Structures are given as C-alpha cells and as structure tokens.
Amino acid sequence: AVDCSFSRGVCDWKQDADDDFDWNPADRDRGDGYYMAVPAFVGHKKDIGRLKLLLTDLKSRSSYCLIFNYRLAGERVGKLRVFLANKKTTPVWEQNKGKDERWRTGKIDIFQGAETTNSVTFESERGKGKTGEIGVDNVILISGLCSED
C-alpha cells in the first residue's frame, strides 16, 4: 500500500495552477498531523479548487483501490469530485452533501489498461454556504480491487 496522507509526504501532491483557489492544510482534531481542506468562505459559488496526486509507479494491466477519508461539513458547502487522468471529463466519484459533519470513507477502483492513470484529482466546487468545509485525508493506494465492506 502507498500511504499518501498529507503529513507523511511520500506522495507527490500538486495544487492546480489554473483553478480558482488552493486547498490548504488544516489541523486534525486529535492533533496528529493535518488534512487538506477548502473552507466554505473561500472563493465564490461554482469556483473550483483542484488538488492532484501524481502516480508514477502504477503498472499497466493491473488494478488498484484508492481509499480516502472525506468530509463535507456545513449547509450547502459544495461538491467534492474525484477524476482520474485518463478520464478527465467525467468524475469517477462525486459527493455533494454530508448528512452530518462526520468523516466518511470513499473508495475508487482504478483499472489500468495499456495506458496507465498517472494522476488522481480531488476537485472541490464551492457551494452557496458560508460555513463548514470540504476536507480530504488519509489517501491510500493499495493494489487489487476495493473490497466490498
């Protein structure tokens, strides 16, 4: 497994230069390290912020599971989408509101054909809300498909 949590720095994360705002580090409640977040008051409605994970060593013709924690806290906070590099236009995962402020787990299967996916992009779209945040944490890549649990 490759641990791409933000506190450890083993993975290559890049802020997109062509978007409207950056994701920022935010301290975890328990104080161990940080996660990446977009507070609700940043930017304007429909503005986009993208955080890209560059994946260099994925083998072709194999499958991987991307597991991550996410939180959509606050009324009308916006949307969180995940894109794979080889399918730029359609998100492979999307969430637009949290039932509560709690962290949840997202899982995405990545199938490698002859072309390999060389990046995963977490995209935050601003909503109408002024409180809360969109957060992402504990991004891990494991080989094999995601288990159903």
N, C-alpha and C. Protein backbone atom coordinates (compact mmCIF):
# COMPACT_ATOMS: atom_id res chain seq x y z
N ALA A 1 0.84 -1.19 0.00
CA ALA A 1 0.00 0.00 0.00
C ALA A 1 0.88 1.25 0.00
N VAL A 2 0.43 2.25 -0.69
CA VAL A 2 1.15 3.52 -0.69
C VAL A 2 0.33 4.50 0.13
N ASP A 3 0.93 5.04 1.17
CA ASP A 3 0.21 5.95 2.05
C ASP A 3 0.46 7.38 1.58
N CYS A 4 -0.57 8.01 1.08
CA CYS A 4 -0.42 9.37 0.56
C CYS A 4 -1.01 10.40 1.51
N SER A 5 -1.09 10.08 2.79
CA SER A 5 -1.55 11.05 3.77
C SER A 5 -0.66 12.28 3.67
N PHE A 6 -1.23 13.43 3.95
CA PHE A 6 -0.52 14.67 3.70
C PHE A 6 0.62 14.88 4.69
N SER A 7 0.51 14.32 5.88
CA SER A 7 1.53 14.58 6.90
C SER A 7 2.82 13.84 6.60
N ARG A 8 2.76 12.79 5.80
CA ARG A 8 3.96 11.96 5.63
C ARG A 8 4.82 12.37 4.45
N GLY A 9 4.17 12.94 3.45
CA GLY A 9 4.95 13.46 2.33
C GLY A 9 5.62 12.44 1.43
N VAL A 10 5.11 11.20 1.38
CA VAL A 10 5.74 10.25 0.46
C VAL A 10 5.19 10.36 -0.94
N CYS A 11 4.06 11.00 -1.11
CA CYS A 11 3.46 11.10 -2.44
C CYS A 11 3.60 12.51 -2.98
N ASP A 12 3.42 12.61 -4.27
CA ASP A 12 3.62 13.88 -4.94
C ASP A 12 2.27 14.57 -5.14
N TRP A 13 1.95 15.53 -4.30
CA TRP A 13 0.70 16.30 -4.41
C TRP A 13 1.00 17.64 -5.05
N LYS A 14 0.12 18.05 -5.96
CA LYS A 14 0.31 19.35 -6.62
C LYS A 14 -0.99 20.14 -6.60
N GLN A 15 -0.86 21.43 -6.33
CA GLN A 15 -2.01 22.32 -6.48
C GLN A 15 -2.13 22.66 -7.96
N ASP A 16 -3.34 22.66 -8.48
CA ASP A 16 -3.55 23.06 -9.88
C ASP A 16 -3.38 24.58 -9.97
N ALA A 17 -2.59 25.03 -10.94
CA ALA A 17 -2.36 26.48 -11.06
C ALA A 17 -3.50 27.17 -11.81
N ASP A 18 -4.31 26.42 -12.54
CA ASP A 18 -5.34 27.06 -13.37
C ASP A 18 -6.72 27.08 -12.72
N ASP A 19 -6.79 26.78 -11.42
CA ASP A 19 -8.12 26.78 -10.80
C ASP A 19 -8.34 28.08 -10.05
N ASP A 20 -9.38 28.15 -9.24
CA ASP A 20 -9.75 29.42 -8.58
C ASP A 20 -9.17 29.58 -7.19
N PHE A 21 -8.88 28.49 -6.51
CA PHE A 21 -8.31 28.58 -5.17
C PHE A 21 -7.54 27.32 -4.84
N ASP A 22 -6.71 27.40 -3.81
CA ASP A 22 -5.92 26.25 -3.38
C ASP A 22 -6.61 25.52 -2.23
N TRP A 23 -6.26 24.27 -2.08
CA TRP A 23 -6.59 23.54 -0.87
C TRP A 23 -5.54 23.92 0.19
N ASN A 24 -5.92 23.92 1.45
CA ASN A 24 -4.98 24.30 2.49
C ASN A 24 -4.89 23.25 3.58
N PRO A 25 -3.72 23.12 4.20
CA PRO A 25 -3.60 22.18 5.33
C PRO A 25 -4.45 22.67 6.50
N ALA A 26 -5.11 21.74 7.18
CA ALA A 26 -5.88 22.06 8.38
C ALA A 26 -5.51 21.04 9.45
N ASP A 27 -5.42 21.47 10.69
CA ASP A 27 -5.01 20.55 11.75
C ASP A 27 -6.10 19.57 12.09
N ARG A 28 -5.73 18.33 12.30
CA ARG A 28 -6.69 17.32 12.74
C ARG A 28 -7.11 17.59 14.17
N ASP A 29 -8.32 17.16 14.50
CA ASP A 29 -8.86 17.36 15.86
C ASP A 29 -7.97 16.74 16.91
N ARG A 30 -7.46 15.55 16.60
CA ARG A 30 -6.64 14.86 17.60
C ARG A 30 -5.22 15.40 17.64
N GLY A 31 -4.92 16.30 16.72
CA GLY A 31 -3.62 16.94 16.74
C GLY A 31 -2.50 16.15 16.10
N ASP A 32 -2.81 14.97 15.51
CA ASP A 32 -1.72 14.23 14.87
C ASP A 32 -1.70 14.53 13.38
N GLY A 33 -0.90 15.49 12.99
CA GLY A 33 -0.79 15.81 11.57
C GLY A 33 -1.94 16.67 11.08
N TYR A 34 -2.12 16.67 9.77
CA TYR A 34 -3.14 17.55 9.19
C TYR A 34 -3.82 16.88 8.00
N TYR A 35 -4.90 17.49 7.57
CA TYR A 35 -5.60 17.05 6.36
C TYR A 35 -5.67 18.26 5.43
N MET A 36 -6.19 18.07 4.24
CA MET A 36 -6.32 19.17 3.30
C MET A 36 -7.78 19.59 3.24
N ALA A 37 -8.01 20.90 3.22
CA ALA A 37 -9.38 21.38 3.30
C ALA A 37 -9.59 22.63 2.45
N VAL A 38 -10.85 22.82 2.10
CA VAL A 38 -11.29 24.06 1.48
C VAL A 38 -12.40 24.60 2.37
N PRO A 39 -12.13 25.67 3.11
CA PRO A 39 -13.17 26.26 3.95
C PRO A 39 -14.29 26.86 3.09
N ALA A 40 -15.50 26.88 3.63
CA ALA A 40 -16.66 27.31 2.84
C ALA A 40 -16.60 28.77 2.41
N PHE A 41 -15.85 29.59 3.12
CA PHE A 41 -15.86 31.02 2.77
C PHE A 41 -14.87 31.37 1.67
N VAL A 42 -14.11 30.39 1.18
CA VAL A 42 -13.12 30.67 0.13
C VAL A 42 -13.81 30.73 -1.22
N GLY A 43 -13.49 31.76 -1.99
CA GLY A 43 -13.98 31.82 -3.37
C GLY A 43 -15.46 32.14 -3.47
N HIS A 44 -15.98 31.99 -4.66
CA HIS A 44 -17.38 32.28 -4.95
C HIS A 44 -18.07 31.01 -5.41
N LYS A 45 -19.40 31.05 -5.41
CA LYS A 45 -20.17 29.90 -5.85
C LYS A 45 -19.66 29.43 -7.22
N LYS A 46 -19.55 28.14 -7.37
CA LYS A 46 -19.10 27.49 -8.61
C LYS A 46 -17.59 27.59 -8.84
N ASP A 47 -16.85 28.28 -7.99
CA ASP A 47 -15.40 28.28 -8.13
C ASP A 47 -14.88 26.87 -7.87
N ILE A 48 -13.72 26.58 -8.43
CA ILE A 48 -13.16 25.23 -8.37
C ILE A 48 -11.74 25.26 -7.80
N GLY A 49 -11.45 24.30 -6.96
CA GLY A 49 -10.07 24.11 -6.49
C GLY A 49 -9.68 22.66 -6.73
N ARG A 50 -8.50 22.45 -7.30
CA ARG A 50 -8.09 21.08 -7.61
C ARG A 50 -6.77 20.73 -6.94
N LEU A 51 -6.74 19.55 -6.38
CA LEU A 51 -5.54 19.03 -5.74
C LEU A 51 -5.23 17.72 -6.45
N LYS A 52 -4.03 17.63 -6.99
CA LYS A 52 -3.72 16.49 -7.85
C LYS A 52 -2.66 15.60 -7.21
N LEU A 53 -2.92 14.32 -7.24
CA LEU A 53 -1.96 13.32 -6.76
C LEU A 53 -1.31 12.68 -7.97
N LEU A 54 0.01 12.86 -8.10
CA LEU A 54 0.71 12.27 -9.23
C LEU A 54 1.12 10.84 -8.89
N LEU A 55 0.76 9.92 -9.76
CA LEU A 55 1.05 8.50 -9.52
C LEU A 55 2.07 8.06 -10.55
N THR A 56 3.25 7.71 -10.09
CA THR A 56 4.28 7.41 -11.08
C THR A 56 4.44 5.93 -11.34
N ASP A 57 4.24 5.09 -10.34
CA ASP A 57 4.66 3.69 -10.50
C ASP A 57 3.54 2.68 -10.72
N LEU A 58 2.39 3.11 -11.18
CA LEU A 58 1.32 2.13 -11.36
C LEU A 58 1.63 1.26 -12.58
N LYS A 59 1.47 -0.03 -12.40
CA LYS A 59 1.76 -0.94 -13.52
C LYS A 59 0.56 -1.00 -14.46
N SER A 60 0.85 -1.17 -15.75
CA SER A 60 -0.26 -1.31 -16.68
C SER A 60 -0.91 -2.69 -16.50
N ARG A 61 -2.13 -2.78 -16.94
CA ARG A 61 -2.91 -4.02 -16.85
C ARG A 61 -2.96 -4.58 -15.43
N SER A 62 -3.17 -3.70 -14.47
CA SER A 62 -3.38 -4.19 -13.11
C SER A 62 -4.42 -3.27 -12.46
N SER A 63 -4.90 -3.67 -11.32
CA SER A 63 -5.95 -2.87 -10.69
C SER A 63 -5.51 -2.41 -9.31
N TYR A 64 -6.05 -1.27 -8.93
CA TYR A 64 -5.72 -0.65 -7.65
C TYR A 64 -6.99 -0.15 -6.99
N CYS A 65 -6.89 0.08 -5.70
CA CYS A 65 -8.01 0.67 -4.96
C CYS A 65 -7.49 1.93 -4.28
N LEU A 66 -8.16 3.03 -4.56
CA LEU A 66 -7.84 4.30 -3.90
C LEU A 66 -8.84 4.49 -2.77
N ILE A 67 -8.33 4.61 -1.56
CA ILE A 67 -9.19 4.78 -0.39
C ILE A 67 -8.86 6.13 0.23
N PHE A 68 -9.89 6.88 0.61
CA PHE A 68 -9.62 8.19 1.20
C PHE A 68 -10.74 8.53 2.18
N ASN A 69 -10.41 9.40 3.12
CA ASN A 69 -11.42 9.92 4.03
C ASN A 69 -11.84 11.29 3.51
N TYR A 70 -13.11 11.60 3.66
CA TYR A 70 -13.58 12.90 3.19
C TYR A 70 -14.65 13.41 4.13
N ARG A 71 -14.84 14.71 4.10
CA ARG A 71 -15.88 15.31 4.92
C ARG A 71 -16.46 16.50 4.19
N LEU A 72 -17.79 16.55 4.15
CA LEU A 72 -18.48 17.73 3.62
C LEU A 72 -19.27 18.27 4.80
N ALA A 73 -18.72 19.28 5.45
CA ALA A 73 -19.35 19.80 6.66
C ALA A 73 -19.96 21.16 6.35
N GLY A 74 -21.20 21.36 6.79
CA GLY A 74 -21.84 22.66 6.59
C GLY A 74 -22.95 22.59 5.56
N GLU A 75 -23.87 23.52 5.71
CA GLU A 75 -25.03 23.63 4.84
C GLU A 75 -24.59 24.09 3.44
N ARG A 76 -24.98 23.38 2.41
CA ARG A 76 -24.71 23.77 1.01
C ARG A 76 -23.24 24.13 0.80
N VAL A 77 -22.38 23.24 1.27
CA VAL A 77 -20.95 23.56 1.25
C VAL A 77 -20.35 23.40 -0.15
N GLY A 78 -20.97 22.62 -0.99
CA GLY A 78 -20.44 22.45 -2.35
C GLY A 78 -20.31 20.99 -2.70
N LYS A 79 -19.41 20.70 -3.64
CA LYS A 79 -19.25 19.33 -4.14
C LYS A 79 -17.80 18.92 -4.07
N LEU A 80 -17.61 17.62 -3.87
CA LEU A 80 -16.28 17.04 -3.95
C LEU A 80 -16.32 15.99 -5.04
N ARG A 81 -15.39 16.09 -5.99
CA ARG A 81 -15.35 15.13 -7.09
C ARG A 81 -13.95 14.57 -7.18
N VAL A 82 -13.87 13.35 -7.73
CA VAL A 82 -12.56 12.76 -7.99
C VAL A 82 -12.50 12.39 -9.47
N PHE A 83 -11.42 12.79 -10.11
CA PHE A 83 -11.19 12.50 -11.51
C PHE A 83 -9.94 11.65 -11.67
N LEU A 84 -9.96 10.73 -12.62
CA LEU A 84 -8.75 10.01 -12.99
C LEU A 84 -8.22 10.65 -14.27
N ALA A 85 -6.89 10.70 -14.40
CA ALA A 85 -6.28 11.44 -15.50
C ALA A 85 -6.74 10.98 -16.87
N ASN A 86 -6.95 9.66 -17.04
CA ASN A 86 -7.30 9.21 -18.38
C ASN A 86 -8.78 9.38 -18.69
N LYS A 87 -9.57 9.81 -17.71
CA LYS A 87 -10.99 10.11 -17.97
C LYS A 87 -11.27 11.50 -17.43
N LYS A 88 -10.65 12.47 -18.07
CA LYS A 88 -10.65 13.82 -17.49
C LYS A 88 -12.02 14.44 -17.30
N THR A 89 -12.95 14.12 -18.21
CA THR A 89 -14.17 14.92 -18.23
C THR A 89 -15.24 14.43 -17.26
N THR A 90 -15.23 13.15 -16.95
CA THR A 90 -16.28 12.63 -16.09
C THR A 90 -15.71 12.21 -14.75
N PRO A 91 -16.29 12.72 -13.65
CA PRO A 91 -15.76 12.28 -12.36
C PRO A 91 -16.04 10.80 -12.13
N VAL A 92 -15.11 10.11 -11.50
CA VAL A 92 -15.34 8.70 -11.16
C VAL A 92 -16.04 8.60 -9.81
N TRP A 93 -16.11 9.73 -9.09
CA TRP A 93 -16.72 9.74 -7.76
C TRP A 93 -17.17 11.17 -7.49
N GLU A 94 -18.35 11.31 -6.87
CA GLU A 94 -18.84 12.66 -6.59
C GLU A 94 -19.75 12.63 -5.36
N GLN A 95 -19.63 13.63 -4.55
CA GLN A 95 -20.46 13.72 -3.35
C GLN A 95 -20.84 15.18 -3.19
N ASN A 96 -22.13 15.45 -2.90
CA ASN A 96 -22.46 16.87 -2.81
C ASN A 96 -23.03 17.32 -1.49
N LYS A 97 -23.24 16.40 -0.56
CA LYS A 97 -23.50 16.96 0.77
C LYS A 97 -23.32 15.89 1.83
N GLY A 98 -22.95 16.36 2.99
CA GLY A 98 -22.79 15.42 4.09
C GLY A 98 -24.07 15.36 4.89
N LYS A 99 -24.38 14.18 5.41
CA LYS A 99 -25.55 14.07 6.30
C LYS A 99 -25.24 14.73 7.63
N ASP A 100 -23.96 14.78 7.96
CA ASP A 100 -23.53 15.38 9.21
C ASP A 100 -22.08 15.81 9.03
N GLU A 101 -21.42 16.18 10.09
CA GLU A 101 -20.05 16.70 9.97
C GLU A 101 -19.01 15.59 9.98
N ARG A 102 -19.46 14.34 10.03
CA ARG A 102 -18.51 13.26 10.25
C ARG A 102 -17.66 12.94 9.02
N TRP A 103 -16.50 12.36 9.30
CA TRP A 103 -15.64 11.87 8.22
C TRP A 103 -16.21 10.56 7.71
N ARG A 104 -16.15 10.36 6.42
CA ARG A 104 -16.57 9.12 5.80
C ARG A 104 -15.44 8.61 4.92
N THR A 105 -15.60 7.38 4.43
CA THR A 105 -14.56 6.78 3.59
C THR A 105 -15.06 6.61 2.17
N GLY A 106 -14.25 7.04 1.23
CA GLY A 106 -14.56 6.82 -0.18
C GLY A 106 -13.60 5.80 -0.75
N LYS A 107 -14.10 5.01 -1.71
CA LYS A 107 -13.23 4.01 -2.36
C LYS A 107 -13.46 4.09 -3.86
N ILE A 108 -12.37 4.02 -4.60
CA ILE A 108 -12.47 4.08 -6.06
C ILE A 108 -11.58 3.00 -6.65
N ASP A 109 -12.15 2.20 -7.55
CA ASP A 109 -11.34 1.22 -8.26
C ASP A 109 -10.64 1.91 -9.43
N ILE A 110 -9.36 1.61 -9.57
CA ILE A 110 -8.60 2.13 -10.71
C ILE A 110 -8.14 0.93 -11.52
N PHE A 111 -8.68 0.80 -12.74
CA PHE A 111 -8.26 -0.29 -13.62
C PHE A 111 -7.22 0.27 -14.57
N GLN A 112 -6.09 -0.38 -14.65
CA GLN A 112 -5.07 0.07 -15.58
C GLN A 112 -5.16 -0.76 -16.85
N GLY A 113 -5.40 -0.07 -17.95
CA GLY A 113 -5.33 -0.77 -19.23
C GLY A 113 -3.90 -0.66 -19.73
N ALA A 114 -3.77 -0.54 -21.04
CA ALA A 114 -2.44 -0.34 -21.60
C ALA A 114 -1.92 1.03 -21.19
N GLU A 115 -2.85 2.02 -21.16
CA GLU A 115 -2.45 3.34 -20.67
C GLU A 115 -2.66 3.35 -19.17
N THR A 116 -1.71 3.89 -18.46
CA THR A 116 -1.87 3.93 -17.01
C THR A 116 -2.38 5.30 -16.58
N THR A 117 -3.10 5.28 -15.48
CA THR A 117 -3.56 6.52 -14.88
C THR A 117 -2.37 7.14 -14.18
N ASN A 118 -2.01 8.36 -14.56
CA ASN A 118 -0.84 8.92 -13.89
C ASN A 118 -1.18 10.00 -12.88
N SER A 119 -2.47 10.26 -12.70
CA SER A 119 -2.83 11.18 -11.62
C SER A 119 -4.29 11.01 -11.23
N VAL A 120 -4.56 11.40 -10.00
CA VAL A 120 -5.91 11.44 -9.47
C VAL A 120 -6.12 12.87 -8.98
N THR A 121 -7.25 13.47 -9.35
CA THR A 121 -7.51 14.85 -8.95
C THR A 121 -8.71 14.93 -8.03
N PHE A 122 -8.52 15.57 -6.89
CA PHE A 122 -9.62 15.86 -5.97
C PHE A 122 -10.07 17.29 -6.27
N GLU A 123 -11.33 17.43 -6.68
CA GLU A 123 -11.82 18.75 -7.08
C GLU A 123 -12.93 19.19 -6.13
N SER A 124 -12.78 20.39 -5.62
CA SER A 124 -13.79 20.96 -4.75
C SER A 124 -14.51 22.07 -5.50
N GLU A 125 -15.83 22.03 -5.49
CA GLU A 125 -16.60 23.11 -6.10
C GLU A 125 -17.36 23.86 -5.02
N ARG A 126 -17.19 25.16 -4.96
CA ARG A 126 -17.83 26.00 -3.96
C ARG A 126 -19.35 25.92 -4.07
N GLY A 127 -19.98 25.85 -2.92
CA GLY A 127 -21.43 25.92 -2.89
C GLY A 127 -21.88 27.31 -2.46
N LYS A 128 -23.15 27.39 -1.98
CA LYS A 128 -23.67 28.68 -1.52
C LYS A 128 -23.30 28.94 -0.07
N GLY A 129 -22.98 27.87 0.64
CA GLY A 129 -22.80 28.00 2.09
C GLY A 129 -21.62 28.87 2.47
N LYS A 130 -21.67 29.41 3.69
CA LYS A 130 -20.59 30.26 4.17
C LYS A 130 -19.87 29.62 5.37
N THR A 131 -20.40 28.49 5.86
CA THR A 131 -19.76 27.84 6.99
C THR A 131 -19.44 26.40 6.62
N GLY A 132 -18.50 25.82 7.33
CA GLY A 132 -18.14 24.44 7.08
C GLY A 132 -16.93 24.35 6.17
N GLU A 133 -16.70 23.15 5.65
CA GLU A 133 -15.55 22.95 4.79
C GLU A 133 -15.70 21.62 4.06
N ILE A 134 -14.88 21.49 3.03
CA ILE A 134 -14.70 20.20 2.36
C ILE A 134 -13.30 19.74 2.70
N GLY A 135 -13.17 18.53 3.22
CA GLY A 135 -11.86 18.04 3.62
C GLY A 135 -11.56 16.67 3.04
N VAL A 136 -10.27 16.41 2.84
CA VAL A 136 -9.80 15.11 2.36
C VAL A 136 -8.60 14.71 3.22
N ASP A 137 -8.53 13.42 3.57
CA ASP A 137 -7.45 12.96 4.43
C ASP A 137 -7.15 11.50 4.16
N ASN A 138 -6.00 11.04 4.64
CA ASN A 138 -5.65 9.61 4.64
C ASN A 138 -5.85 8.94 3.30
N VAL A 139 -5.22 9.48 2.26
CA VAL A 139 -5.37 8.90 0.93
C VAL A 139 -4.38 7.74 0.80
N ILE A 140 -4.91 6.56 0.50
CA ILE A 140 -4.08 5.36 0.43
C ILE A 140 -4.38 4.62 -0.86
N LEU A 141 -3.33 4.11 -1.48
CA LEU A 141 -3.49 3.35 -2.71
C LEU A 141 -3.01 1.93 -2.45
N ILE A 142 -3.89 0.96 -2.68
CA ILE A 142 -3.48 -0.42 -2.49
C ILE A 142 -3.68 -1.18 -3.79
N SER A 143 -2.89 -2.23 -3.99
CA SER A 143 -3.07 -2.97 -5.24
C SER A 143 -4.21 -3.96 -5.07
N GLY A 144 -4.89 -4.23 -6.17
CA GLY A 144 -6.09 -5.07 -6.13
C GLY A 144 -7.32 -4.20 -6.06
N LEU A 145 -8.47 -4.77 -6.37
CA LEU A 145 -9.71 -4.01 -6.36
C LEU A 145 -10.19 -3.76 -4.94
N CYS A 146 -11.02 -2.75 -4.79
CA CYS A 146 -11.55 -2.42 -3.47
C CYS A 146 -12.44 -3.56 -2.98
N SER A 147 -12.37 -3.84 -1.69
CA SER A 147 -13.25 -4.87 -1.14
C SER A 147 -14.60 -4.26 -0.83
N GLU A 148 -15.63 -5.05 -0.92
CA GLU A 148 -16.97 -4.55 -0.58
C GLU A 148 -17.17 -4.76 0.90
N ASP A 149 -17.13 -3.69 1.69
CA ASP A 149 -17.46 -3.92 3.10
C ASP A 149 -18.28 -2.79 3.66
